[in-house]
Amino acid sequence: RRRYESLFRAGAVAQICTDPEGVIREINEMAEALFNVRDFQVIGTELTTLVPSVLKERVGRMAHSNLTDLAEELFTNASSL
């Protein structure tokens, strides 16, 4: 567990882990930098708290669906904003 945590925290890619309801359970340093937050500020909150308001509804639906790659969906559709 300790090894996983150190690899996750220091990973070179922004990562956010949520539970099935879309509540943030873990966030790594790259994601903290990307969203300009600290882990203690967002752990326990919904994933939609980190995204721009224009994406909140879409992210909320995706976080509660069976989509396996939320990031890919967001980046693919970002140009339509």
N, C-alpha and C. Protein backbone atom coordinates (compact mmCIF):
# COMPACT_ATOMS: atom_id res chain seq x y z
N ARG A 1 0.84 -1.20 0.00
CA ARG A 1 0.00 0.00 0.00
C ARG A 1 0.88 1.25 0.00
N ARG A 2 1.92 1.26 0.79
CA ARG A 2 2.80 2.42 0.88
C ARG A 2 3.46 2.71 -0.48
N ARG A 3 3.87 1.66 -1.17
CA ARG A 3 4.52 1.83 -2.48
C ARG A 3 3.51 2.40 -3.48
N TYR A 4 2.30 1.87 -3.49
CA TYR A 4 1.25 2.40 -4.37
C TYR A 4 1.02 3.88 -4.10
N GLU A 5 0.91 4.24 -2.83
CA GLU A 5 0.64 5.63 -2.47
C GLU A 5 1.75 6.56 -2.94
N SER A 6 3.01 6.14 -2.81
CA SER A 6 4.10 7.02 -3.24
C SER A 6 4.14 7.13 -4.76
N LEU A 7 3.86 6.04 -5.47
CA LEU A 7 3.80 6.11 -6.94
C LEU A 7 2.63 6.96 -7.40
N PHE A 8 1.50 6.82 -6.77
CA PHE A 8 0.32 7.60 -7.13
C PHE A 8 0.56 9.07 -6.87
N ARG A 9 1.04 9.42 -5.68
CA ARG A 9 1.23 10.83 -5.30
C ARG A 9 2.23 11.54 -6.21
N ALA A 10 3.31 10.86 -6.58
CA ALA A 10 4.38 11.51 -7.35
C ALA A 10 4.27 11.24 -8.85
N GLY A 11 3.20 10.65 -9.31
CA GLY A 11 3.04 10.32 -10.72
C GLY A 11 3.14 11.54 -11.63
N ALA A 12 3.58 11.32 -12.85
CA ALA A 12 3.76 12.39 -13.81
C ALA A 12 2.48 12.76 -14.55
N VAL A 13 1.39 12.08 -14.22
CA VAL A 13 0.09 12.33 -14.84
C VAL A 13 -0.90 12.69 -13.75
N ALA A 14 -1.74 13.69 -14.01
CA ALA A 14 -2.76 14.07 -13.04
C ALA A 14 -3.76 12.93 -12.89
N GLN A 15 -3.99 12.51 -11.64
CA GLN A 15 -4.91 11.41 -11.37
C GLN A 15 -5.82 11.76 -10.20
N ILE A 16 -7.08 11.43 -10.38
CA ILE A 16 -8.07 11.61 -9.32
C ILE A 16 -8.86 10.32 -9.22
N CYS A 17 -8.94 9.76 -8.04
CA CYS A 17 -9.72 8.55 -7.82
C CYS A 17 -11.00 8.92 -7.08
N THR A 18 -12.12 8.41 -7.60
CA THR A 18 -13.41 8.66 -6.97
C THR A 18 -14.06 7.34 -6.58
N ASP A 19 -15.05 7.43 -5.73
CA ASP A 19 -15.87 6.26 -5.43
C ASP A 19 -16.98 6.18 -6.49
N PRO A 20 -17.81 5.16 -6.45
CA PRO A 20 -18.86 5.02 -7.48
C PRO A 20 -19.85 6.19 -7.54
N GLU A 21 -19.96 6.95 -6.48
CA GLU A 21 -20.86 8.11 -6.47
C GLU A 21 -20.20 9.38 -6.99
N GLY A 22 -18.92 9.31 -7.38
CA GLY A 22 -18.23 10.48 -7.90
C GLY A 22 -17.60 11.35 -6.83
N VAL A 23 -17.44 10.83 -5.62
CA VAL A 23 -16.80 11.58 -4.53
C VAL A 23 -15.30 11.31 -4.58
N ILE A 24 -14.53 12.36 -4.53
CA ILE A 24 -13.06 12.25 -4.61
C ILE A 24 -12.53 11.55 -3.38
N ARG A 25 -11.75 10.49 -3.60
CA ARG A 25 -11.12 9.74 -2.51
C ARG A 25 -9.61 9.93 -2.48
N GLU A 26 -9.00 10.19 -3.65
CA GLU A 26 -7.56 10.42 -3.72
C GLU A 26 -7.28 11.39 -4.87
N ILE A 27 -6.24 12.17 -4.72
CA ILE A 27 -5.80 13.08 -5.78
C ILE A 27 -4.28 13.17 -5.68
N ASN A 28 -3.61 13.15 -6.82
CA ASN A 28 -2.14 13.20 -6.73
C ASN A 28 -1.62 14.63 -6.92
N GLU A 29 -0.32 14.79 -6.77
CA GLU A 29 0.30 16.11 -6.81
C GLU A 29 0.11 16.82 -8.15
N MET A 30 0.16 16.07 -9.26
CA MET A 30 -0.03 16.69 -10.57
C MET A 30 -1.46 17.23 -10.70
N ALA A 31 -2.43 16.51 -10.21
CA ALA A 31 -3.82 16.98 -10.26
C ALA A 31 -4.00 18.18 -9.34
N GLU A 32 -3.34 18.15 -8.19
CA GLU A 32 -3.40 19.31 -7.30
C GLU A 32 -2.87 20.55 -8.01
N ALA A 33 -1.76 20.41 -8.71
CA ALA A 33 -1.17 21.55 -9.43
C ALA A 33 -2.07 21.99 -10.58
N LEU A 34 -2.62 21.04 -11.31
CA LEU A 34 -3.48 21.35 -12.45
C LEU A 34 -4.72 22.14 -12.01
N PHE A 35 -5.33 21.73 -10.91
CA PHE A 35 -6.55 22.38 -10.44
C PHE A 35 -6.31 23.42 -9.35
N ASN A 36 -5.04 23.61 -8.99
CA ASN A 36 -4.65 24.60 -7.98
C ASN A 36 -5.40 24.38 -6.66
N VAL A 37 -5.35 23.14 -6.18
CA VAL A 37 -5.96 22.77 -4.91
C VAL A 37 -5.00 21.89 -4.13
N ARG A 38 -5.33 21.65 -2.88
CA ARG A 38 -4.61 20.68 -2.06
C ARG A 38 -5.56 19.53 -1.76
N ASP A 39 -4.99 18.36 -1.51
CA ASP A 39 -5.82 17.17 -1.31
C ASP A 39 -6.86 17.37 -0.21
N PHE A 40 -6.47 17.98 0.90
CA PHE A 40 -7.41 18.15 2.01
C PHE A 40 -8.59 19.05 1.66
N GLN A 41 -8.44 19.86 0.60
CA GLN A 41 -9.53 20.73 0.18
C GLN A 41 -10.60 20.01 -0.63
N VAL A 42 -10.23 18.92 -1.31
CA VAL A 42 -11.17 18.28 -2.22
C VAL A 42 -11.54 16.84 -1.87
N ILE A 43 -10.74 16.16 -1.08
CA ILE A 43 -11.10 14.78 -0.70
C ILE A 43 -12.40 14.83 0.09
N GLY A 44 -13.35 14.01 -0.35
CA GLY A 44 -14.67 13.99 0.27
C GLY A 44 -15.69 14.85 -0.46
N THR A 45 -15.24 15.61 -1.47
CA THR A 45 -16.16 16.42 -2.27
C THR A 45 -16.42 15.72 -3.60
N GLU A 46 -17.44 16.16 -4.31
CA GLU A 46 -17.75 15.57 -5.60
C GLU A 46 -16.75 16.03 -6.66
N LEU A 47 -16.49 15.14 -7.60
CA LEU A 47 -15.57 15.44 -8.70
C LEU A 47 -15.95 16.72 -9.42
N THR A 48 -17.23 17.01 -9.51
CA THR A 48 -17.68 18.21 -10.23
C THR A 48 -17.18 19.51 -9.59
N THR A 49 -16.70 19.45 -8.35
CA THR A 49 -16.18 20.67 -7.73
C THR A 49 -14.89 21.14 -8.39
N LEU A 50 -14.22 20.26 -9.14
CA LEU A 50 -12.95 20.62 -9.75
C LEU A 50 -13.05 21.08 -11.20
N VAL A 51 -14.18 20.93 -11.81
CA VAL A 51 -14.29 21.23 -13.23
C VAL A 51 -15.00 22.55 -13.46
N PRO A 52 -14.72 23.19 -14.59
CA PRO A 52 -15.41 24.45 -14.89
C PRO A 52 -16.92 24.25 -14.92
N SER A 53 -17.65 25.26 -14.56
CA SER A 53 -19.11 25.13 -14.46
C SER A 53 -19.76 24.65 -15.75
N VAL A 54 -19.19 25.01 -16.89
CA VAL A 54 -19.76 24.59 -18.16
C VAL A 54 -19.69 23.08 -18.35
N LEU A 55 -18.80 22.40 -17.64
CA LEU A 55 -18.65 20.94 -17.76
C LEU A 55 -19.29 20.16 -16.61
N LYS A 56 -19.78 20.84 -15.59
CA LYS A 56 -20.26 20.15 -14.39
C LYS A 56 -21.33 19.11 -14.68
N GLU A 57 -22.32 19.45 -15.47
CA GLU A 57 -23.40 18.50 -15.74
C GLU A 57 -22.87 17.27 -16.46
N ARG A 58 -22.03 17.49 -17.46
CA ARG A 58 -21.47 16.37 -18.24
C ARG A 58 -20.61 15.48 -17.36
N VAL A 59 -19.75 16.08 -16.55
CA VAL A 59 -18.87 15.30 -15.68
C VAL A 59 -19.69 14.55 -14.64
N GLY A 60 -20.71 15.18 -14.11
CA GLY A 60 -21.57 14.51 -13.15
C GLY A 60 -22.21 13.27 -13.73
N ARG A 61 -22.70 13.38 -14.96
CA ARG A 61 -23.31 12.22 -15.62
C ARG A 61 -22.27 11.14 -15.85
N MET A 62 -21.08 11.52 -16.32
CA MET A 62 -20.03 10.55 -16.62
C MET A 62 -19.53 9.87 -15.35
N ALA A 63 -19.40 10.62 -14.28
CA ALA A 63 -18.89 10.05 -13.03
C ALA A 63 -19.84 9.00 -12.47
N HIS A 64 -21.11 9.10 -12.81
CA HIS A 64 -22.10 8.14 -12.31
C HIS A 64 -22.46 7.09 -13.36
N SER A 65 -21.74 7.07 -14.47
CA SER A 65 -22.05 6.11 -15.52
C SER A 65 -20.99 5.02 -15.56
N ASN A 66 -21.04 4.22 -16.60
CA ASN A 66 -20.08 3.13 -16.76
C ASN A 66 -18.92 3.50 -17.67
N LEU A 67 -18.73 4.78 -17.97
CA LEU A 67 -17.60 5.17 -18.81
C LEU A 67 -16.30 4.83 -18.10
N THR A 68 -15.38 4.26 -18.84
CA THR A 68 -14.12 3.85 -18.22
C THR A 68 -13.06 4.91 -18.29
N ASP A 69 -13.18 5.88 -19.19
CA ASP A 69 -12.13 6.87 -19.31
C ASP A 69 -12.72 8.27 -19.37
N LEU A 70 -13.02 8.81 -18.21
CA LEU A 70 -13.60 10.14 -18.09
C LEU A 70 -12.69 11.19 -18.70
N ALA A 71 -11.38 11.10 -18.46
CA ALA A 71 -10.44 12.09 -18.98
C ALA A 71 -10.48 12.14 -20.50
N GLU A 72 -10.50 11.00 -21.15
CA GLU A 72 -10.54 10.98 -22.61
C GLU A 72 -11.81 11.66 -23.12
N GLU A 73 -12.92 11.39 -22.49
CA GLU A 73 -14.19 12.02 -22.88
C GLU A 73 -14.13 13.53 -22.72
N LEU A 74 -13.57 13.99 -21.61
CA LEU A 74 -13.46 15.44 -21.38
C LEU A 74 -12.58 16.10 -22.40
N PHE A 75 -11.40 15.53 -22.67
CA PHE A 75 -10.48 16.14 -23.62
C PHE A 75 -11.03 16.08 -25.05
N THR A 76 -11.72 15.02 -25.38
CA THR A 76 -12.30 14.89 -26.71
C THR A 76 -13.35 15.95 -26.96
N ASN A 77 -14.13 16.27 -25.94
CA ASN A 77 -15.22 17.21 -26.09
C ASN A 77 -14.87 18.63 -25.67
N ALA A 78 -13.66 18.87 -25.22
CA ALA A 78 -13.27 20.20 -24.76
C ALA A 78 -13.37 21.25 -25.86
N SER A 79 -13.13 20.85 -27.08
CA SER A 79 -13.16 21.82 -28.18
C SER A 79 -14.57 22.34 -28.45
N SER A 80 -15.59 21.64 -27.97
CA SER A 80 -16.96 22.08 -28.21
C SER A 80 -17.43 23.10 -27.19
N LEU A 81 -16.58 23.49 -26.26
CA LEU A 81 -16.97 24.46 -25.23
C LEU A 81 -16.90 25.88 -25.71
